[in-house]
């Protein structure tokens, strides 16, 4: 207080919003789709928060009461690491599902930190899968067939989230052919929409030629810094282009989000009170209600 005026800092305003959001989330009721939803998290542009979003949304959805399966389809195995799942040599993995015909149920491992969350880990073996898949029959449908078989038995699963590599190769093709929906994380930076046209065109072609049910359903803004005009401009541009697809919740730049994987955790479990954790929980809550509403509409 100076000269009778109250100067509220941006930090104090953020802390107040964070507290209000945490109180809201304490009593929030998550939506449940009426049938399992398979969602691929994809963006061929690296460094946009794709794996981070897949990990933290899956944890937040599971903590909200949904039964979630994460399929790590990136040979780097970062989603597996962040969820505390071993993925060294000799571990059954997504590679064995896609190339070896292994049942997903035999590969899944429970997340040690979160109930209702199972993970199909990825190993370095998946890096050579593209070459081995070339001559396999139904090469575009290998993951789709495995997921369909799994869900025909495990009908209590609410959401299957597939984390893709940052490319548009055969593994990503399998993930998109297997999915009902696509989530695209977009970084709030200058080149945010770079490459999006190519991804959109690829998804349109896959829908026409291989998977008629596939659609882009969700865009998530990541690494948002509301202190900068650039972030505001990028967010405004994305929302103007995709008003119905873009989640209201946005993910801020956060040190906690970046450091959590080094402890084998999501930020939601590593520091649940942090701004990043609260943002992902808000995004998961919003996503859950969208999934429930869309599945209800599809039954009418």
Protein backbone atom coordinates (compact mmCIF):
# COMPACT_ATOMS: atom_id res chain seq x y z
CA UNK A 1 0.00 0.00 0.00
CA UNK A 2 1.56 3.28 -1.16
CA UNK A 3 -0.14 6.66 -1.13
CA UNK A 4 -3.48 5.03 -0.36
CA UNK A 5 -3.32 2.77 -3.45
CA UNK A 6 -3.04 -0.99 -3.47
CA UNK A 7 -0.57 -2.38 -6.00
CA UNK A 8 -1.40 -6.04 -6.62
CA UNK A 9 1.50 -7.83 -8.27
CA UNK A 10 0.95 -10.37 -11.09
CA UNK A 11 2.41 -13.01 -8.74
CA UNK A 12 -0.17 -12.36 -6.03
CA UNK A 13 -2.96 -12.45 -8.62
CA UNK A 14 -1.62 -15.79 -9.89
CA UNK A 15 -1.48 -17.18 -6.35
CA UNK A 16 -5.08 -16.15 -5.76
CA UNK A 17 -6.20 -17.82 -9.00
CA UNK A 18 -4.23 -20.93 -8.10
CA UNK A 19 -5.90 -21.12 -4.69
CA UNK A 20 -9.36 -20.63 -6.17
CA UNK A 21 -8.70 -23.34 -8.78
CA UNK A 22 -7.48 -25.77 -6.13
CA UNK A 23 -10.63 -25.23 -4.10
CA UNK A 24 -12.75 -25.79 -7.19
CA UNK A 25 -10.91 -29.01 -8.02
CA UNK A 26 -11.37 -30.41 -4.51
CA UNK A 27 -15.09 -30.82 -5.16
CA UNK A 28 -15.00 -31.32 -8.92
CA UNK A 29 -16.80 -34.30 -10.41
CA UNK A 30 -15.17 -35.68 -13.53
CA UNK A 31 -17.19 -36.82 -16.51
CA UNK A 32 -17.10 -40.44 -17.68
CA UNK A 33 -17.59 -41.43 -21.33
CA UNK A 34 -20.25 -44.06 -21.90
CA UNK A 35 -17.79 -46.16 -23.91
CA UNK A 36 -13.99 -46.32 -24.12
CA UNK A 37 -12.37 -43.41 -25.97
CA UNK A 38 -9.05 -43.85 -27.77
CA UNK A 39 -7.21 -40.53 -28.06
CA UNK A 40 -3.86 -39.99 -29.75
CA UNK A 41 -1.73 -37.07 -28.56
CA UNK A 42 0.13 -35.97 -31.67
CA UNK A 43 2.25 -33.18 -33.09
CA UNK A 44 5.19 -33.81 -35.40
CA UNK A 45 6.80 -30.63 -34.08
CA UNK A 46 9.03 -31.51 -31.12
CA UNK A 47 9.22 -29.63 -27.84
CA UNK A 48 5.56 -28.63 -27.65
CA UNK A 49 4.73 -30.53 -24.46
CA UNK A 50 3.18 -33.55 -26.16
CA UNK A 51 4.53 -36.26 -23.86
CA UNK A 52 4.25 -34.01 -20.80
CA UNK A 53 0.59 -33.42 -21.61
CA UNK A 54 -0.14 -37.11 -22.24
CA UNK A 55 1.46 -38.02 -18.91
CA UNK A 56 -0.14 -35.34 -16.76
CA UNK A 57 -3.59 -35.56 -18.31
CA UNK A 58 -3.59 -39.33 -17.86
CA UNK A 59 -2.67 -38.98 -14.18
CA UNK A 60 -5.22 -36.23 -13.58
CA UNK A 61 -7.97 -38.22 -15.31
CA UNK A 62 -7.15 -41.32 -13.26
CA UNK A 63 -7.13 -39.30 -10.03
CA UNK A 64 -10.54 -38.00 -11.12
CA UNK A 65 -11.87 -41.56 -11.08
CA UNK A 66 -11.51 -42.59 -14.72
CA UNK A 67 -9.82 -45.84 -15.71
CA UNK A 68 -6.96 -44.86 -18.00
CA UNK A 69 -4.48 -46.73 -20.16
CA UNK A 70 -1.41 -44.96 -21.58
CA UNK A 71 0.28 -46.47 -24.61
CA UNK A 72 3.80 -45.10 -24.97
CA UNK A 73 4.49 -45.22 -28.71
CA UNK A 74 7.63 -43.09 -28.65
CA UNK A 75 10.92 -45.04 -28.71
CA UNK A 76 12.45 -42.54 -26.29
CA UNK A 77 10.15 -43.90 -23.57
CA UNK A 78 9.76 -40.57 -21.83
CA UNK A 79 6.13 -41.16 -20.92
CA UNK A 80 7.10 -44.49 -19.36
CA UNK A 81 9.85 -42.81 -17.33
CA UNK A 82 7.59 -40.03 -16.11
CA UNK A 83 4.99 -42.56 -14.97
CA UNK A 84 7.56 -44.62 -13.06
CA UNK A 85 7.48 -47.61 -15.40
CA UNK A 86 10.60 -49.66 -16.16
CA UNK A 87 11.37 -49.74 -19.87
CA UNK A 88 14.86 -51.17 -20.20
CA UNK A 89 16.04 -54.07 -22.37
CA UNK A 90 13.95 -57.22 -22.08
CA UNK A 91 10.78 -55.44 -20.91
CA UNK A 92 7.65 -56.28 -22.86
CA UNK A 93 6.62 -53.10 -24.61
CA UNK A 94 4.63 -51.37 -27.33
CA UNK A 95 7.15 -52.81 -29.79
CA UNK A 96 6.05 -56.34 -28.85
CA UNK A 97 2.41 -55.33 -29.33
CA UNK A 98 2.90 -53.74 -32.75
CA UNK A 99 5.56 -56.00 -34.27
CA UNK A 100 5.30 -59.16 -32.19
CA UNK A 101 1.53 -59.47 -31.87
CA UNK A 102 1.65 -59.48 -28.06
CA UNK A 103 -1.65 -58.80 -26.30
CA UNK A 104 -1.79 -55.38 -24.66
CA UNK A 105 -3.11 -56.92 -21.44
CA UNK A 106 0.13 -58.92 -21.12
CA UNK A 107 2.29 -55.80 -21.48
CA UNK A 108 0.49 -53.33 -19.21
CA UNK A 109 2.09 -52.25 -15.95
CA UNK A 110 0.30 -50.34 -13.17
CA UNK A 111 1.50 -46.82 -12.45
CA UNK A 112 3.06 -47.01 -8.96
CA UNK A 113 1.79 -43.57 -7.91
CA UNK A 114 -1.77 -43.56 -9.24
CA UNK A 115 -4.66 -46.00 -9.05
CA UNK A 116 -6.72 -46.68 -12.18
CA UNK A 117 -3.74 -45.97 -14.45
CA UNK A 118 -1.93 -48.63 -16.49
CA UNK A 119 0.93 -48.14 -18.92
CA UNK A 120 2.08 -49.98 -22.01
CA UNK A 121 5.76 -48.97 -21.90
CA UNK A 122 8.06 -48.19 -24.78
CA UNK A 123 11.62 -49.42 -25.23
CA UNK A 124 14.40 -48.54 -27.65
CA UNK A 125 13.32 -51.56 -29.73
CA UNK A 126 10.52 -49.41 -31.11
CA UNK A 127 13.09 -47.27 -32.94
CA UNK A 128 13.55 -50.08 -35.47
CA UNK A 129 9.89 -50.94 -35.79
CA UNK A 130 9.34 -48.75 -38.85
CA UNK A 131 11.60 -50.98 -40.95
CA UNK A 132 10.15 -54.24 -39.61
CA UNK A 133 6.56 -53.08 -40.18
CA UNK A 134 7.00 -52.38 -43.88
CA UNK A 135 6.38 -55.98 -44.98
CA UNK A 136 3.83 -56.93 -42.31
CA UNK A 137 0.22 -57.52 -43.40
CA UNK A 138 -2.23 -54.82 -42.29
CA UNK A 139 0.76 -52.75 -41.26
CA UNK A 140 -1.35 -49.63 -40.61
CA UNK A 141 -3.79 -51.54 -38.40
CA UNK A 142 -1.42 -53.43 -36.08
CA UNK A 143 -2.00 -51.20 -33.05
CA UNK A 144 -5.68 -50.70 -33.89
CA UNK A 145 -6.28 -54.45 -33.94
CA UNK A 146 -4.49 -54.88 -30.60
CA UNK A 147 -6.48 -52.08 -28.93
CA UNK A 148 -9.78 -53.37 -30.32
CA UNK A 149 -9.03 -56.83 -28.94
CA UNK A 150 -8.08 -55.37 -25.57
CA UNK A 151 -11.18 -53.17 -25.27
CA UNK A 152 -13.49 -55.99 -26.32
CA UNK A 153 -12.50 -57.72 -23.08
CA UNK A 154 -11.70 -54.78 -20.78
CA UNK A 155 -14.85 -52.75 -21.23
CA UNK A 156 -14.39 -50.84 -17.98
CA UNK A 157 -11.57 -48.72 -19.46
CA UNK A 158 -12.66 -45.10 -19.98
CA UNK A 159 -9.75 -43.60 -21.90
CA UNK A 160 -6.78 -44.92 -23.86
CA UNK A 161 -4.17 -42.19 -24.43
CA UNK A 162 -1.48 -42.85 -27.03
CA UNK A 163 1.71 -40.78 -26.88
CA UNK A 164 3.24 -40.51 -30.37
CA UNK A 165 6.77 -39.81 -31.54
CA UNK A 166 7.36 -36.34 -33.04
CA UNK A 167 7.08 -37.61 -36.62
CA UNK A 168 4.55 -38.81 -39.17
CA UNK A 169 6.02 -42.29 -39.71
CA UNK A 170 4.47 -45.75 -39.53
CA UNK A 171 4.26 -45.81 -35.73
CA UNK A 172 2.36 -42.51 -35.67
CA UNK A 173 0.20 -43.79 -38.53
CA UNK A 174 -0.69 -46.82 -36.40
CA UNK A 175 -1.59 -44.56 -33.49
CA UNK A 176 -3.86 -42.41 -35.64
CA UNK A 177 -5.55 -45.38 -37.29
CA UNK A 178 -6.23 -46.81 -33.81
CA UNK A 179 -7.74 -43.59 -32.44
CA UNK A 180 -11.20 -42.06 -32.28
CA UNK A 181 -9.84 -38.61 -31.52
CA UNK A 182 -6.66 -36.56 -31.77
CA UNK A 183 -5.40 -34.03 -29.24
CA UNK A 184 -2.85 -31.54 -30.55
CA UNK A 185 -0.71 -29.70 -27.97
CA UNK A 186 0.37 -26.30 -29.32
CA UNK A 187 3.16 -24.31 -27.72
CA UNK A 188 2.43 -20.61 -27.19
CA UNK A 189 5.45 -19.51 -29.20
CA UNK A 190 6.10 -17.71 -32.48
CA UNK A 191 6.12 -20.85 -34.64
CA UNK A 192 3.12 -22.36 -32.85
CA UNK A 193 1.11 -23.15 -35.98
CA UNK A 194 4.11 -24.20 -38.05
CA UNK A 195 3.60 -27.69 -39.43
CA UNK A 196 0.00 -27.82 -38.26
CA UNK A 197 -1.29 -27.74 -41.83
CA UNK A 198 0.77 -30.81 -42.69
CA UNK A 199 -0.52 -32.67 -39.63
CA UNK A 200 -4.09 -31.65 -40.40
CA UNK A 201 -3.76 -32.82 -44.01
CA UNK A 202 -2.30 -36.15 -42.88
CA UNK A 203 -5.14 -36.71 -40.44
CA UNK A 204 -7.71 -35.88 -43.14
CA UNK A 205 -6.11 -38.42 -45.49
CA UNK A 206 -6.06 -41.09 -42.76
CA UNK A 207 -9.74 -40.44 -42.04
CA UNK A 208 -10.67 -40.81 -45.72
CA UNK A 209 -8.47 -43.80 -46.52
CA UNK A 210 -7.99 -45.78 -43.29
CA UNK A 211 -10.04 -44.61 -40.29
CA UNK A 212 -13.41 -42.93 -40.97
CA UNK A 213 -14.08 -42.27 -37.27
CA UNK A 214 -10.89 -40.24 -36.70
CA UNK A 215 -11.23 -36.53 -35.94
CA UNK A 216 -9.29 -33.76 -34.29
CA UNK A 217 -11.24 -33.07 -31.12
CA UNK A 218 -8.95 -31.09 -28.82
CA UNK A 219 -6.23 -28.46 -28.90
CA UNK A 220 -4.27 -27.74 -25.73
CA UNK A 221 -2.17 -24.59 -25.37
CA UNK A 222 1.09 -25.31 -23.54
CA UNK A 223 4.03 -23.29 -22.18
CA UNK A 224 1.88 -20.17 -21.93
CA UNK A 225 3.49 -17.14 -20.31
CA UNK A 226 0.78 -14.61 -19.64
CA UNK A 227 3.43 -12.00 -18.81
CA UNK A 228 4.37 -11.71 -22.48
CA UNK A 229 2.41 -10.19 -25.33
CA UNK A 230 3.58 -13.00 -27.63
CA UNK A 231 1.80 -15.66 -25.56
CA UNK A 232 -1.38 -13.59 -25.56
CA UNK A 233 -1.20 -13.11 -29.33
CA UNK A 234 -0.57 -16.80 -30.04
CA UNK A 235 -3.40 -17.85 -27.73
CA UNK A 236 -5.77 -15.37 -29.41
CA UNK A 237 -4.75 -16.63 -32.85
CA UNK A 238 -5.24 -20.29 -31.96
CA UNK A 239 -8.63 -19.59 -30.37
CA UNK A 240 -9.75 -17.55 -33.38
CA UNK A 241 -8.87 -20.40 -35.75
CA UNK A 242 -10.12 -23.26 -33.56
CA UNK A 243 -12.69 -21.84 -31.11
CA UNK A 244 -14.56 -25.11 -30.53
CA UNK A 245 -11.49 -27.33 -30.30
CA UNK A 246 -9.28 -25.34 -27.92
CA UNK A 247 -9.59 -26.10 -24.22
CA UNK A 248 -10.26 -23.12 -21.97
CA UNK A 249 -7.57 -24.38 -19.58
CA UNK A 250 -4.02 -23.55 -20.62
CA UNK A 251 -0.73 -24.93 -19.34
CA UNK A 252 1.71 -22.29 -18.05
CA UNK A 253 5.46 -22.35 -18.31
CA UNK A 254 6.58 -24.06 -15.11
CA UNK A 255 9.85 -25.25 -13.65
CA UNK A 256 7.93 -27.89 -11.70
CA UNK A 257 6.46 -29.35 -14.89
CA UNK A 258 9.94 -29.60 -16.38
CA UNK A 259 11.67 -31.18 -13.37
CA UNK A 260 9.01 -33.72 -12.34
CA UNK A 261 10.02 -36.39 -14.94
CA UNK A 262 13.56 -36.48 -13.51
CA UNK A 263 11.95 -37.92 -10.36
CA UNK A 264 9.93 -40.47 -12.33
CA UNK A 265 6.71 -38.60 -11.65
CA UNK A 266 4.10 -36.40 -13.25
CA UNK A 267 3.86 -32.85 -11.94
CA UNK A 268 0.40 -33.73 -10.63
CA UNK A 269 1.95 -36.18 -8.15
CA UNK A 270 5.31 -34.42 -7.74
CA UNK A 271 3.93 -31.04 -6.67
CA UNK A 272 0.12 -31.10 -6.72
CA UNK A 273 -0.18 -27.53 -5.43
CA UNK A 274 1.95 -26.02 -8.19
CA UNK A 275 0.48 -23.91 -10.98
CA UNK A 276 1.41 -26.53 -13.58
CA UNK A 277 -0.27 -29.36 -11.69
CA UNK A 278 -3.43 -27.34 -11.11
CA UNK A 279 -3.52 -26.36 -14.80
CA UNK A 280 -3.28 -29.98 -15.95
CA UNK A 281 -5.99 -31.01 -13.48
CA UNK A 282 -8.24 -28.25 -14.82
CA UNK A 283 -7.53 -29.34 -18.40
CA UNK A 284 -8.28 -32.97 -17.50
CA UNK A 285 -11.55 -31.99 -15.83
CA UNK A 286 -12.61 -30.01 -18.90
CA UNK A 287 -11.52 -32.85 -21.20
CA UNK A 288 -13.46 -35.42 -19.17
CA UNK A 289 -16.69 -33.45 -19.54
CA UNK A 290 -16.10 -33.04 -23.27
CA UNK A 291 -15.55 -36.79 -23.65
CA UNK A 292 -18.67 -37.58 -21.64
CA UNK A 293 -20.80 -35.11 -23.59
CA UNK A 294 -19.58 -36.35 -26.97
CA UNK A 295 -20.07 -40.00 -26.13
CA UNK A 296 -23.58 -39.25 -24.86
CA UNK A 297 -24.39 -37.36 -28.06
CA UNK A 298 -23.12 -40.24 -30.20
CA UNK A 299 -25.56 -42.61 -28.52
CA UNK A 300 -28.59 -40.44 -29.29
